[in-house]
Amino acid sequence: MKRFVICAMMLHCVIMPSAGQKWADYVVPTSLIAVGSYGIESNWFHSLNNRIKDGMMTIRGSNYLHIDNYIQYVPTTTALFAEYTGADAKHNMKERLALITTSAFITASSVNITKRAVGEKRPDTQAKTSFPSGHTATAFMGAELVRKEYGGLWAVGAYSIAAAVGVLRMYNQRHWFNDVLAGAGIGIISVELAYLLLPMESRLFHLQECKKTSLLIIPAYNYNEKAFSFNLSLTF
């Protein structure tokens, strides 16, 4: 019960929109956090978690897929660089960097503090760092950034990748279903809070005074190491 109370307090802290903020932006993420938190103490949810775990084990066998460790960052990278493929971003590069930095800080802080406070055991080990899923939070944070900046098919693609990360966390037996739900909610709501803080950051750091940005990618080949590499130069 104590762990559920901690999660409820965390939820209460992040669902207080101020002037200009829409409650509708918070409905989905707060619902995900609430349901995920409920799963910590619910016997019914424990049974569901174990059924999902057993089903994933049957599908997986000994074939683990660890690409979730890498593709969790794809949506955030897309939010930063999709502009250079011709997509129209709502904010300039400096503002997007501020949004990503603020979102990442809120996400990481929320995830790590909650992990320590709740102490839920992982499905595959005795480590008490299961709730919530940090990988899922990171992926959904990036997906929400893409949705708000670009929308359309960009958002569909980013959210598809984020959902795949959540599924893979359960497939690889690293997280329970409710861990994934809460992680998704934290990632999304962190972005909403970052957009709330952006006007203040923009005035403080003069983020709107941004010159046209340019991106240069130069491929290279090392004959001695027989390896390809890419040099990236970003000017803004």
Protein backbone atom coordinates (compact mmCIF):
# COMPACT_ATOMS: atom_id res chain seq x y z
CA MET A 1 0.00 0.00 0.00
CA LYS A 2 2.87 2.35 0.81
CA ARG A 3 4.27 2.00 -2.71
CA PHE A 4 0.90 2.82 -4.26
CA VAL A 5 0.62 5.96 -2.12
CA ILE A 6 4.06 7.09 -3.32
CA CYS A 7 2.99 6.67 -6.95
CA ALA A 8 -0.29 8.48 -6.28
CA MET A 9 1.63 11.43 -4.83
CA MET A 10 3.89 11.48 -7.89
CA LEU A 11 0.83 11.44 -10.14
CA HIS A 12 -0.76 14.32 -8.24
CA CYS A 13 2.36 16.43 -8.73
CA VAL A 14 2.34 16.12 -12.51
CA ILE A 15 -1.35 16.72 -13.29
CA MET A 16 -1.61 20.36 -12.27
CA PRO A 17 -1.71 22.35 -15.54
CA SER A 18 -1.29 26.08 -15.19
CA ALA A 19 -2.79 28.87 -17.29
CA GLY A 20 -2.81 28.10 -21.01
CA GLN A 21 -2.40 24.35 -20.52
CA LYS A 22 -5.13 21.94 -21.65
CA TRP A 23 -6.32 19.19 -19.31
CA ALA A 24 -6.87 17.01 -22.37
CA ASP A 25 -3.10 16.86 -22.90
CA TYR A 26 -2.79 15.10 -19.54
CA VAL A 27 -5.62 12.58 -19.77
CA VAL A 28 -3.76 9.76 -21.54
CA PRO A 29 -0.41 9.97 -19.70
CA THR A 30 -1.97 10.34 -16.25
CA SER A 31 -4.27 7.40 -16.98
CA LEU A 32 -1.28 5.28 -17.97
CA ILE A 33 0.58 6.24 -14.79
CA ALA A 34 -2.51 5.60 -12.65
CA VAL A 35 -3.16 2.15 -14.14
CA GLY A 36 0.53 1.24 -13.95
CA SER A 37 0.66 2.33 -10.30
CA TYR A 38 -2.48 0.35 -9.52
CA GLY A 39 -0.74 -2.73 -10.93
CA ILE A 40 1.88 -2.62 -8.18
CA GLU A 41 -0.51 -3.79 -5.46
CA SER A 42 -3.33 -5.40 -7.46
CA ASN A 43 -3.54 -9.21 -7.31
CA TRP A 44 -5.52 -9.20 -10.56
CA PHE A 45 -2.78 -7.21 -12.26
CA HIS A 46 -0.10 -9.52 -10.84
CA SER A 47 -1.93 -12.42 -12.45
CA LEU A 48 -2.12 -10.53 -15.76
CA ASN A 49 1.60 -9.70 -15.54
CA ASN A 50 2.49 -13.35 -15.06
CA ARG A 51 0.26 -14.46 -17.94
CA ILE A 52 1.97 -11.96 -20.23
CA LYS A 53 5.38 -13.08 -18.95
CA ASP A 54 4.57 -16.74 -19.66
CA GLY A 55 3.22 -15.89 -23.11
CA MET A 56 6.33 -13.92 -23.99
CA MET A 57 8.51 -16.77 -22.74
CA THR A 58 6.69 -19.19 -25.03
CA ILE A 59 7.21 -16.90 -28.02
CA ARG A 60 10.80 -15.99 -27.15
CA GLY A 61 12.36 -19.23 -26.05
CA SER A 62 16.07 -18.42 -25.80
CA ASN A 63 15.98 -15.83 -28.59
CA TYR A 64 16.35 -12.49 -26.84
CA LEU A 65 16.26 -9.27 -28.86
CA HIS A 66 18.19 -6.39 -27.34
CA ILE A 67 17.59 -3.78 -30.03
CA ASP A 68 15.33 -1.98 -27.53
CA ASN A 69 18.55 -0.70 -25.91
CA TYR A 70 19.18 1.28 -29.10
CA ILE A 71 15.86 2.07 -30.77
CA GLN A 72 14.61 3.76 -27.59
CA TYR A 73 16.57 6.82 -28.76
CA VAL A 74 15.28 6.85 -32.35
CA PRO A 75 12.15 8.98 -31.68
CA THR A 76 14.14 11.66 -29.82
CA THR A 77 16.77 11.75 -32.57
CA THR A 78 13.96 12.11 -35.09
CA ALA A 79 12.47 15.02 -33.13
CA LEU A 80 15.81 16.82 -33.35
CA PHE A 81 16.82 16.11 -36.95
CA ALA A 82 13.65 15.40 -38.99
CA GLU A 83 13.66 19.04 -40.07
CA TYR A 84 16.65 18.28 -42.29
CA THR A 85 14.61 15.79 -44.34
CA GLY A 86 12.16 18.51 -45.31
CA ALA A 87 9.70 18.16 -42.41
CA ASP A 88 8.30 21.35 -40.90
CA ALA A 89 9.15 21.68 -37.20
CA LYS A 90 7.12 23.98 -34.96
CA HIS A 91 10.22 25.21 -33.12
CA ASN A 92 13.76 26.06 -34.10
CA MET A 93 16.80 23.96 -33.26
CA LYS A 94 17.64 25.75 -30.00
CA GLU A 95 14.06 25.42 -28.78
CA ARG A 96 13.94 21.74 -29.70
CA LEU A 97 17.19 21.16 -27.84
CA ALA A 98 15.69 22.89 -24.81
CA LEU A 99 12.53 20.78 -25.06
CA ILE A 100 14.54 17.56 -25.32
CA THR A 101 16.86 18.51 -22.45
CA THR A 102 14.00 19.49 -20.14
CA SER A 103 11.92 16.43 -21.07
CA ALA A 104 14.88 14.11 -20.55
CA PHE A 105 15.66 15.65 -17.16
CA ILE A 106 12.06 15.27 -15.96
CA THR A 107 11.81 11.74 -17.36
CA ALA A 108 15.10 10.53 -15.86
CA SER A 109 14.41 12.14 -12.48
CA SER A 110 10.88 10.75 -12.28
CA VAL A 111 11.92 7.26 -13.34
CA ASN A 112 14.94 6.95 -11.03
CA ILE A 113 13.27 8.46 -7.98
CA THR A 114 10.22 6.23 -8.43
CA LYS A 115 12.35 3.12 -8.94
CA ARG A 116 14.07 3.73 -5.61
CA ALA A 117 10.85 4.61 -3.80
CA VAL A 118 8.77 1.68 -5.08
CA GLY A 119 11.38 -1.09 -5.15
CA GLU A 120 9.47 -3.46 -7.44
CA LYS A 121 11.42 -6.60 -8.41
CA ARG A 122 12.20 -7.22 -12.06
CA PRO A 123 10.76 -10.34 -13.73
CA ASP A 124 14.21 -11.77 -14.51
CA THR A 125 16.21 -10.81 -11.40
CA GLN A 126 15.80 -9.80 -7.78
CA ALA A 127 16.85 -6.22 -8.58
CA LYS A 128 14.28 -3.82 -7.16
CA THR A 129 14.34 -1.44 -10.12
CA SER A 130 11.43 -2.65 -12.24
CA PHE A 131 8.81 0.09 -11.82
CA PRO A 132 8.61 2.09 -14.04
CA SER A 133 10.33 1.17 -17.32
CA GLY A 134 13.02 3.72 -18.16
CA HIS A 135 13.49 2.47 -21.74
CA THR A 136 9.78 2.84 -22.41
CA ALA A 137 9.71 6.29 -20.82
CA THR A 138 12.58 7.43 -23.05
CA ALA A 139 10.95 6.05 -26.20
CA PHE A 140 7.54 7.59 -25.50
CA MET A 141 9.14 10.88 -24.54
CA GLY A 142 10.71 11.03 -27.99
CA ALA A 143 7.50 9.92 -29.69
CA GLU A 144 5.48 12.69 -28.03
CA LEU A 145 8.12 15.24 -29.03
CA VAL A 146 7.81 14.08 -32.63
CA ARG A 147 4.01 14.25 -32.47
CA LYS A 148 3.98 17.79 -31.14
CA GLU A 149 6.71 19.05 -33.48
CA TYR A 150 5.82 17.29 -36.75
CA GLY A 151 2.55 15.36 -36.39
CA GLY A 152 1.16 13.18 -39.17
CA LEU A 153 3.06 10.11 -40.33
CA TRP A 154 6.10 11.19 -38.35
CA ALA A 155 4.08 10.76 -35.16
CA VAL A 156 2.69 7.40 -36.29
CA GLY A 157 6.19 6.11 -36.98
CA ALA A 158 7.64 7.44 -33.71
CA TYR A 159 4.83 6.00 -31.61
CA SER A 160 5.13 2.66 -33.40
CA ILE A 161 8.80 2.49 -32.43
CA ALA A 162 7.96 3.51 -28.84
CA ALA A 163 5.31 0.79 -28.62
CA ALA A 164 7.83 -1.73 -29.97
CA VAL A 165 10.26 -0.76 -27.20
CA GLY A 166 7.57 -1.37 -24.58
CA VAL A 167 6.76 -4.79 -26.03
CA LEU A 168 10.44 -5.72 -26.24
CA ARG A 169 10.96 -4.83 -22.56
CA MET A 170 8.39 -7.51 -21.72
CA TYR A 171 9.63 -9.87 -24.43
CA ASN A 172 13.14 -9.72 -22.95
CA GLN A 173 11.67 -10.30 -19.47
CA ARG A 174 13.02 -7.01 -18.15
CA HIS A 175 9.71 -5.44 -17.15
CA TRP A 176 6.14 -6.17 -16.17
CA PHE A 177 3.20 -4.84 -18.17
CA ASN A 178 2.33 -2.18 -15.58
CA ASP A 179 5.97 -0.98 -15.60
CA VAL A 180 5.65 -0.33 -19.32
CA LEU A 181 2.32 1.50 -18.95
CA ALA A 182 3.67 3.82 -16.27
CA GLY A 183 6.90 4.41 -18.20
CA ALA A 184 4.93 5.45 -21.28
CA GLY A 185 2.85 7.85 -19.20
CA ILE A 186 5.91 9.43 -17.58
CA GLY A 187 7.62 9.93 -20.94
CA ILE A 188 4.58 11.64 -22.46
CA ILE A 189 3.78 13.84 -19.48
CA SER A 190 7.42 14.96 -19.22
CA VAL A 191 7.09 16.44 -22.70
CA GLU A 192 3.88 18.26 -21.75
CA LEU A 193 5.71 19.81 -18.80
CA ALA A 194 8.66 20.72 -21.02
CA TYR A 195 6.36 22.61 -23.39
CA LEU A 196 4.84 24.36 -20.39
CA LEU A 197 8.32 25.55 -19.34
CA LEU A 198 9.51 26.47 -22.86
CA PRO A 199 8.28 30.12 -22.90
CA MET A 200 10.18 30.83 -19.68
CA GLU A 201 13.33 29.11 -21.01
CA SER A 202 12.99 30.93 -24.31
CA ARG A 203 12.95 34.33 -22.60
CA LEU A 204 15.74 33.38 -20.24
CA PHE A 205 18.12 31.95 -22.86
CA HIS A 206 16.93 33.92 -25.93
CA LEU A 207 16.09 30.71 -27.76
CA GLN A 208 14.00 32.40 -30.44
CA GLU A 209 17.03 34.34 -31.64
CA CYS A 210 18.16 31.46 -33.78
CA LYS A 211 19.89 31.74 -37.14
CA LYS A 212 19.19 29.27 -39.92
CA THR A 213 20.68 25.90 -39.00
CA SER A 214 22.67 23.59 -41.22
CA LEU A 215 23.56 19.92 -40.98
CA LEU A 216 26.55 18.36 -42.74
CA ILE A 217 27.23 14.61 -42.71
CA ILE A 218 30.54 13.44 -44.21
CA PRO A 219 31.18 9.71 -44.68
CA ALA A 220 34.73 8.42 -44.21
CA TYR A 221 36.55 5.11 -44.58
CA ASN A 222 39.55 4.00 -42.52
CA TYR A 223 41.71 1.71 -44.66
CA ASN A 224 43.80 0.52 -41.73
CA GLU A 225 40.82 -0.44 -39.58
CA LYS A 226 38.65 -1.35 -42.58
CA ALA A 227 35.74 0.53 -41.07
CA PHE A 228 33.28 3.19 -42.19
CA SER A 229 32.50 6.26 -40.09
CA PHE A 230 30.47 9.44 -40.35
CA ASN A 231 31.42 12.96 -39.29
CA LEU A 232 28.49 15.15 -38.31
CA SER A 233 28.59 18.95 -38.19
CA LEU A 234 25.59 20.91 -36.88
CA THR A 235 25.56 24.71 -37.04
CA PHE A 236 22.85 26.78 -35.38
